[in-house]
């Protein structure tokens, strides 16, 4: 990220918070259709990124890209792109030995 003189912002979410957000995104208000790619009010990318974070258990066990992709029913390349972005933002870490991903500090 470029240094433009602004202070960095850090957001810490617990696994429970991420799970609550992803659960809420799957529920539709009464009288509306189920959420899908055509619901332009929502950022599908943000929902998918939060879903990827929600795949990590509180115990901090590392997860591989293929495993994440299968669980989220997305391609490994898409899962990898989300994971790399989350690493860049400090919301995930990549384990140097296993090359799997984990929540920071675990």
N, C-alpha and C. Protein backbone atom coordinates (compact mmCIF):
# COMPACT_ATOMS: atom_id res chain seq x y z
N UNK A 1 0.83 -1.17 0.00
CA UNK A 1 0.00 0.00 0.00
C UNK A 1 0.89 1.24 0.00
N UNK A 2 0.55 2.24 -0.79
CA UNK A 2 1.38 3.44 -0.86
C UNK A 2 1.28 4.26 0.41
N UNK A 3 2.37 4.94 0.76
CA UNK A 3 2.40 5.80 1.93
C UNK A 3 2.00 7.19 1.48
N UNK A 4 0.75 7.56 1.72
CA UNK A 4 0.26 8.86 1.31
C UNK A 4 0.07 9.80 2.50
N UNK A 5 0.68 9.47 3.64
CA UNK A 5 0.60 10.31 4.81
C UNK A 5 -0.60 10.04 5.70
N UNK A 6 -1.51 9.19 5.27
CA UNK A 6 -2.66 8.87 6.10
C UNK A 6 -2.30 7.76 7.07
N UNK A 7 -2.95 7.77 8.22
CA UNK A 7 -2.71 6.74 9.21
C UNK A 7 -3.36 5.43 8.78
N UNK A 8 -2.69 4.31 8.98
CA UNK A 8 -3.30 3.02 8.62
C UNK A 8 -4.45 2.69 9.57
N UNK A 9 -5.39 1.95 9.07
CA UNK A 9 -6.54 1.51 9.85
C UNK A 9 -6.47 0.00 9.96
N UNK A 10 -6.74 -0.51 11.14
CA UNK A 10 -6.76 -1.95 11.35
C UNK A 10 -8.11 -2.34 11.93
N UNK A 11 -8.69 -3.37 11.39
CA UNK A 11 -9.98 -3.87 11.87
C UNK A 11 -9.76 -5.31 12.31
N UNK A 12 -10.16 -5.60 13.53
CA UNK A 12 -10.03 -6.96 14.04
C UNK A 12 -11.42 -7.54 14.21
N UNK A 13 -11.67 -8.66 13.55
CA UNK A 13 -12.93 -9.37 13.68
C UNK A 13 -12.66 -10.74 14.27
N UNK A 14 -13.49 -11.15 15.19
CA UNK A 14 -13.38 -12.51 15.70
C UNK A 14 -14.02 -13.45 14.69
N UNK A 15 -13.71 -14.72 14.81
CA UNK A 15 -14.32 -15.71 13.92
C UNK A 15 -15.84 -15.69 14.09
N UNK A 16 -16.32 -15.45 15.31
CA UNK A 16 -17.75 -15.39 15.56
C UNK A 16 -18.38 -14.21 14.83
N UNK A 17 -17.69 -13.07 14.80
CA UNK A 17 -18.21 -11.90 14.09
C UNK A 17 -18.30 -12.17 12.59
N UNK A 18 -17.28 -12.77 12.04
CA UNK A 18 -17.30 -13.09 10.61
C UNK A 18 -18.42 -14.07 10.31
N UNK A 19 -18.59 -15.06 11.16
CA UNK A 19 -19.66 -16.04 10.96
C UNK A 19 -21.03 -15.36 11.03
N UNK A 20 -21.20 -14.43 11.95
CA UNK A 20 -22.48 -13.71 12.06
C UNK A 20 -22.77 -12.90 10.80
N UNK A 21 -21.75 -12.25 10.25
CA UNK A 21 -21.94 -11.46 9.04
C UNK A 21 -22.31 -12.35 7.87
N UNK A 22 -21.62 -13.46 7.72
CA UNK A 22 -21.91 -14.34 6.59
C UNK A 22 -23.28 -15.00 6.75
N UNK A 23 -23.66 -15.34 7.99
CA UNK A 23 -25.01 -15.90 8.21
C UNK A 23 -26.06 -14.86 7.86
N UNK A 24 -25.86 -13.63 8.29
CA UNK A 24 -26.82 -12.56 8.01
C UNK A 24 -26.95 -12.32 6.51
N UNK A 25 -25.84 -12.46 5.79
CA UNK A 25 -25.89 -12.22 4.35
C UNK A 25 -26.68 -13.30 3.62
N UNK A 26 -26.83 -14.46 4.24
CA UNK A 26 -27.57 -15.55 3.62
C UNK A 26 -29.06 -15.49 3.91
N UNK A 27 -29.45 -14.65 4.87
CA UNK A 27 -30.86 -14.52 5.22
C UNK A 27 -31.45 -13.36 4.44
N UNK A 28 -32.65 -13.55 3.94
CA UNK A 28 -33.28 -12.48 3.19
C UNK A 28 -34.42 -11.88 4.01
N UNK A 29 -34.63 -10.57 3.87
CA UNK A 29 -35.76 -9.95 4.56
C UNK A 29 -37.08 -10.50 4.03
N UNK A 30 -38.15 -10.48 4.84
CA UNK A 30 -39.45 -10.97 4.37
C UNK A 30 -39.89 -10.24 3.10
N UNK A 31 -40.42 -11.00 2.16
CA UNK A 31 -40.94 -10.42 0.94
C UNK A 31 -39.89 -10.14 -0.12
N UNK A 32 -38.65 -10.58 0.08
CA UNK A 32 -37.61 -10.39 -0.93
C UNK A 32 -37.12 -11.73 -1.41
N UNK A 33 -36.52 -11.71 -2.58
CA UNK A 33 -35.96 -12.95 -3.14
C UNK A 33 -34.68 -13.31 -2.41
N UNK A 34 -34.26 -14.56 -2.54
CA UNK A 34 -32.98 -14.99 -1.96
C UNK A 34 -31.84 -14.16 -2.56
N UNK A 35 -30.80 -13.95 -1.78
CA UNK A 35 -29.66 -13.19 -2.26
C UNK A 35 -28.95 -13.97 -3.35
N UNK A 36 -28.60 -13.29 -4.41
CA UNK A 36 -27.86 -13.93 -5.48
C UNK A 36 -27.02 -12.88 -6.18
N UNK A 37 -26.33 -13.26 -7.24
CA UNK A 37 -25.45 -12.34 -7.95
C UNK A 37 -26.19 -11.15 -8.56
N UNK A 38 -27.51 -11.25 -8.71
CA UNK A 38 -28.25 -10.15 -9.31
C UNK A 38 -28.66 -9.09 -8.29
N UNK A 39 -28.44 -9.34 -7.00
CA UNK A 39 -28.78 -8.35 -5.97
C UNK A 39 -27.67 -7.31 -5.95
N UNK A 40 -27.90 -6.23 -6.68
CA UNK A 40 -26.86 -5.22 -6.89
C UNK A 40 -26.65 -4.32 -5.68
N UNK A 41 -27.48 -4.48 -4.64
CA UNK A 41 -27.27 -3.69 -3.43
C UNK A 41 -26.07 -4.19 -2.64
N UNK A 42 -25.68 -5.41 -2.87
CA UNK A 42 -24.63 -6.05 -2.07
C UNK A 42 -23.36 -6.24 -2.87
N UNK A 43 -22.24 -6.16 -2.18
CA UNK A 43 -20.95 -6.43 -2.80
C UNK A 43 -20.70 -7.93 -2.70
N UNK A 44 -20.82 -8.61 -3.82
CA UNK A 44 -20.58 -10.05 -3.83
C UNK A 44 -19.14 -10.38 -3.46
N UNK A 45 -18.21 -9.54 -3.88
CA UNK A 45 -16.81 -9.77 -3.54
C UNK A 45 -16.58 -9.68 -2.03
N UNK A 46 -17.18 -8.69 -1.41
CA UNK A 46 -17.02 -8.55 0.04
C UNK A 46 -17.63 -9.75 0.75
N UNK A 47 -18.80 -10.16 0.33
CA UNK A 47 -19.43 -11.33 0.94
C UNK A 47 -18.58 -12.58 0.77
N UNK A 48 -17.99 -12.74 -0.41
CA UNK A 48 -17.15 -13.92 -0.65
C UNK A 48 -15.87 -13.86 0.18
N UNK A 49 -15.28 -12.67 0.30
CA UNK A 49 -14.08 -12.52 1.13
C UNK A 49 -14.37 -12.80 2.59
N UNK A 50 -15.51 -12.30 3.09
CA UNK A 50 -15.88 -12.59 4.47
C UNK A 50 -16.20 -14.06 4.66
N UNK A 51 -16.79 -14.68 3.65
CA UNK A 51 -17.05 -16.12 3.72
C UNK A 51 -15.75 -16.90 3.83
N UNK A 52 -14.73 -16.45 3.09
CA UNK A 52 -13.44 -17.12 3.17
C UNK A 52 -12.88 -16.98 4.59
N UNK A 53 -12.96 -15.80 5.18
CA UNK A 53 -12.50 -15.63 6.56
C UNK A 53 -13.28 -16.52 7.52
N UNK A 54 -14.58 -16.68 7.25
CA UNK A 54 -15.41 -17.51 8.11
C UNK A 54 -15.07 -18.98 8.07
N UNK A 55 -14.26 -19.41 7.12
CA UNK A 55 -13.85 -20.81 7.02
C UNK A 55 -12.80 -21.20 8.05
N UNK A 56 -12.23 -20.20 8.71
CA UNK A 56 -11.16 -20.47 9.66
C UNK A 56 -11.73 -20.61 11.06
N UNK A 57 -11.45 -21.75 11.69
CA UNK A 57 -11.95 -22.02 13.04
C UNK A 57 -11.18 -21.19 14.05
N UNK A 58 -11.79 -20.99 15.20
CA UNK A 58 -11.16 -20.20 16.26
C UNK A 58 -9.85 -20.83 16.75
N UNK A 59 -9.69 -22.14 16.54
CA UNK A 59 -8.45 -22.80 16.99
C UNK A 59 -7.25 -22.42 16.15
N UNK A 60 -7.48 -21.73 15.04
CA UNK A 60 -6.39 -21.23 14.24
C UNK A 60 -5.73 -22.22 13.31
N UNK A 61 -6.35 -23.36 13.10
CA UNK A 61 -5.77 -24.34 12.20
C UNK A 61 -5.61 -23.81 10.79
N UNK A 62 -4.46 -24.06 10.16
CA UNK A 62 -4.24 -23.57 8.80
C UNK A 62 -5.10 -24.31 7.78
N UNK A 63 -5.44 -23.61 6.69
CA UNK A 63 -6.26 -24.18 5.63
C UNK A 63 -5.58 -23.94 4.30
N UNK A 64 -5.68 -24.89 3.41
CA UNK A 64 -5.12 -24.77 2.07
C UNK A 64 -6.12 -24.18 1.09
N UNK A 65 -5.61 -23.66 -0.01
CA UNK A 65 -6.45 -23.02 -1.02
C UNK A 65 -7.47 -23.99 -1.62
N UNK A 66 -7.05 -25.18 -1.98
CA UNK A 66 -7.98 -26.14 -2.60
C UNK A 66 -9.10 -26.49 -1.62
N UNK A 67 -8.74 -26.68 -0.36
CA UNK A 67 -9.71 -26.98 0.68
C UNK A 67 -10.73 -25.83 0.83
N UNK A 68 -10.23 -24.60 0.86
CA UNK A 68 -11.11 -23.42 0.97
C UNK A 68 -12.01 -23.30 -0.26
N UNK A 69 -11.42 -23.48 -1.42
CA UNK A 69 -12.18 -23.36 -2.67
C UNK A 69 -13.31 -24.38 -2.72
N UNK A 70 -13.02 -25.60 -2.33
CA UNK A 70 -14.05 -26.64 -2.32
C UNK A 70 -15.19 -26.28 -1.37
N UNK A 71 -14.82 -25.84 -0.16
CA UNK A 71 -15.82 -25.51 0.84
C UNK A 71 -16.72 -24.36 0.37
N UNK A 72 -16.16 -23.39 -0.32
CA UNK A 72 -16.90 -22.22 -0.76
C UNK A 72 -17.47 -22.34 -2.17
N UNK A 73 -17.20 -23.48 -2.80
CA UNK A 73 -17.66 -23.74 -4.16
C UNK A 73 -17.21 -22.64 -5.13
N UNK A 74 -15.90 -22.36 -5.09
CA UNK A 74 -15.30 -21.41 -6.02
C UNK A 74 -14.03 -22.03 -6.58
N UNK A 75 -13.51 -21.46 -7.62
CA UNK A 75 -12.29 -22.01 -8.21
C UNK A 75 -11.10 -21.74 -7.28
N UNK A 76 -10.09 -22.60 -7.33
CA UNK A 76 -8.89 -22.35 -6.52
C UNK A 76 -8.23 -21.00 -6.85
N UNK A 77 -8.27 -20.58 -8.11
CA UNK A 77 -7.64 -19.30 -8.45
C UNK A 77 -8.39 -18.14 -7.81
N UNK A 78 -9.71 -18.23 -7.73
CA UNK A 78 -10.49 -17.18 -7.08
C UNK A 78 -10.22 -17.18 -5.57
N UNK A 79 -10.23 -18.36 -4.97
CA UNK A 79 -9.94 -18.46 -3.53
C UNK A 79 -8.55 -17.90 -3.24
N UNK A 80 -7.59 -18.20 -4.09
CA UNK A 80 -6.23 -17.70 -3.90
C UNK A 80 -6.19 -16.18 -3.99
N UNK A 81 -6.90 -15.61 -4.94
CA UNK A 81 -6.94 -14.15 -5.09
C UNK A 81 -7.52 -13.49 -3.84
N UNK A 82 -8.59 -14.06 -3.30
CA UNK A 82 -9.15 -13.52 -2.06
C UNK A 82 -8.17 -13.68 -0.90
N UNK A 83 -7.54 -14.84 -0.79
CA UNK A 83 -6.60 -15.08 0.30
C UNK A 83 -5.41 -14.12 0.24
N UNK A 84 -4.86 -13.91 -0.94
CA UNK A 84 -3.72 -13.00 -1.09
C UNK A 84 -4.13 -11.58 -0.70
N UNK A 85 -5.32 -11.18 -1.08
CA UNK A 85 -5.82 -9.85 -0.71
C UNK A 85 -5.96 -9.74 0.80
N UNK A 86 -6.51 -10.77 1.44
CA UNK A 86 -6.68 -10.76 2.89
C UNK A 86 -5.34 -10.78 3.62
N UNK A 87 -4.34 -11.44 3.05
CA UNK A 87 -2.99 -11.41 3.62
C UNK A 87 -2.44 -9.99 3.53
N UNK A 88 -2.60 -9.37 2.39
CA UNK A 88 -2.10 -8.00 2.19
C UNK A 88 -2.73 -7.03 3.19
N UNK A 89 -3.98 -7.27 3.55
CA UNK A 89 -4.69 -6.42 4.50
C UNK A 89 -4.41 -6.79 5.96
N UNK A 90 -3.69 -7.90 6.16
CA UNK A 90 -3.36 -8.32 7.52
C UNK A 90 -4.46 -9.13 8.20
N UNK A 91 -5.46 -9.57 7.43
CA UNK A 91 -6.55 -10.35 8.00
C UNK A 91 -6.29 -11.85 7.96
N UNK A 92 -5.32 -12.27 7.18
CA UNK A 92 -4.84 -13.65 7.13
C UNK A 92 -3.32 -13.63 7.11
N UNK A 93 -2.73 -14.76 7.48
CA UNK A 93 -1.28 -14.97 7.36
C UNK A 93 -1.05 -16.22 6.54
N UNK A 94 0.08 -16.27 5.88
CA UNK A 94 0.47 -17.48 5.16
C UNK A 94 1.58 -18.15 5.93
N UNK A 95 1.39 -19.42 6.26
CA UNK A 95 2.39 -20.19 7.00
C UNK A 95 3.56 -20.48 6.07
N UNK A 96 4.77 -20.03 6.42
CA UNK A 96 5.90 -20.23 5.51
C UNK A 96 6.24 -21.71 5.26
N UNK A 97 6.06 -22.56 6.27
CA UNK A 97 6.42 -23.97 6.09
C UNK A 97 5.41 -24.72 5.23
N UNK A 98 4.14 -24.57 5.55
CA UNK A 98 3.12 -25.36 4.86
C UNK A 98 2.51 -24.64 3.66
N UNK A 99 2.71 -23.32 3.57
CA UNK A 99 2.12 -22.48 2.54
C UNK A 99 0.60 -22.43 2.62
N UNK A 100 0.06 -22.84 3.78
CA UNK A 100 -1.37 -22.73 4.02
C UNK A 100 -1.64 -21.40 4.70
N UNK A 101 -2.91 -21.07 4.84
CA UNK A 101 -3.32 -19.80 5.41
C UNK A 101 -3.92 -20.01 6.79
N UNK A 102 -3.80 -18.98 7.63
CA UNK A 102 -4.34 -19.03 8.99
C UNK A 102 -4.71 -17.61 9.42
N UNK A 103 -5.50 -17.53 10.49
CA UNK A 103 -5.81 -16.22 11.05
C UNK A 103 -4.56 -15.68 11.74
N UNK A 104 -4.35 -14.38 11.74
CA UNK A 104 -3.15 -13.80 12.37
C UNK A 104 -3.09 -14.15 13.86
N UNK A 105 -1.88 -14.38 14.32
CA UNK A 105 -1.66 -14.65 15.74
C UNK A 105 -1.93 -16.06 16.19
N UNK A 106 -2.29 -16.95 15.26
CA UNK A 106 -2.56 -18.36 15.64
C UNK A 106 -1.41 -19.24 15.25
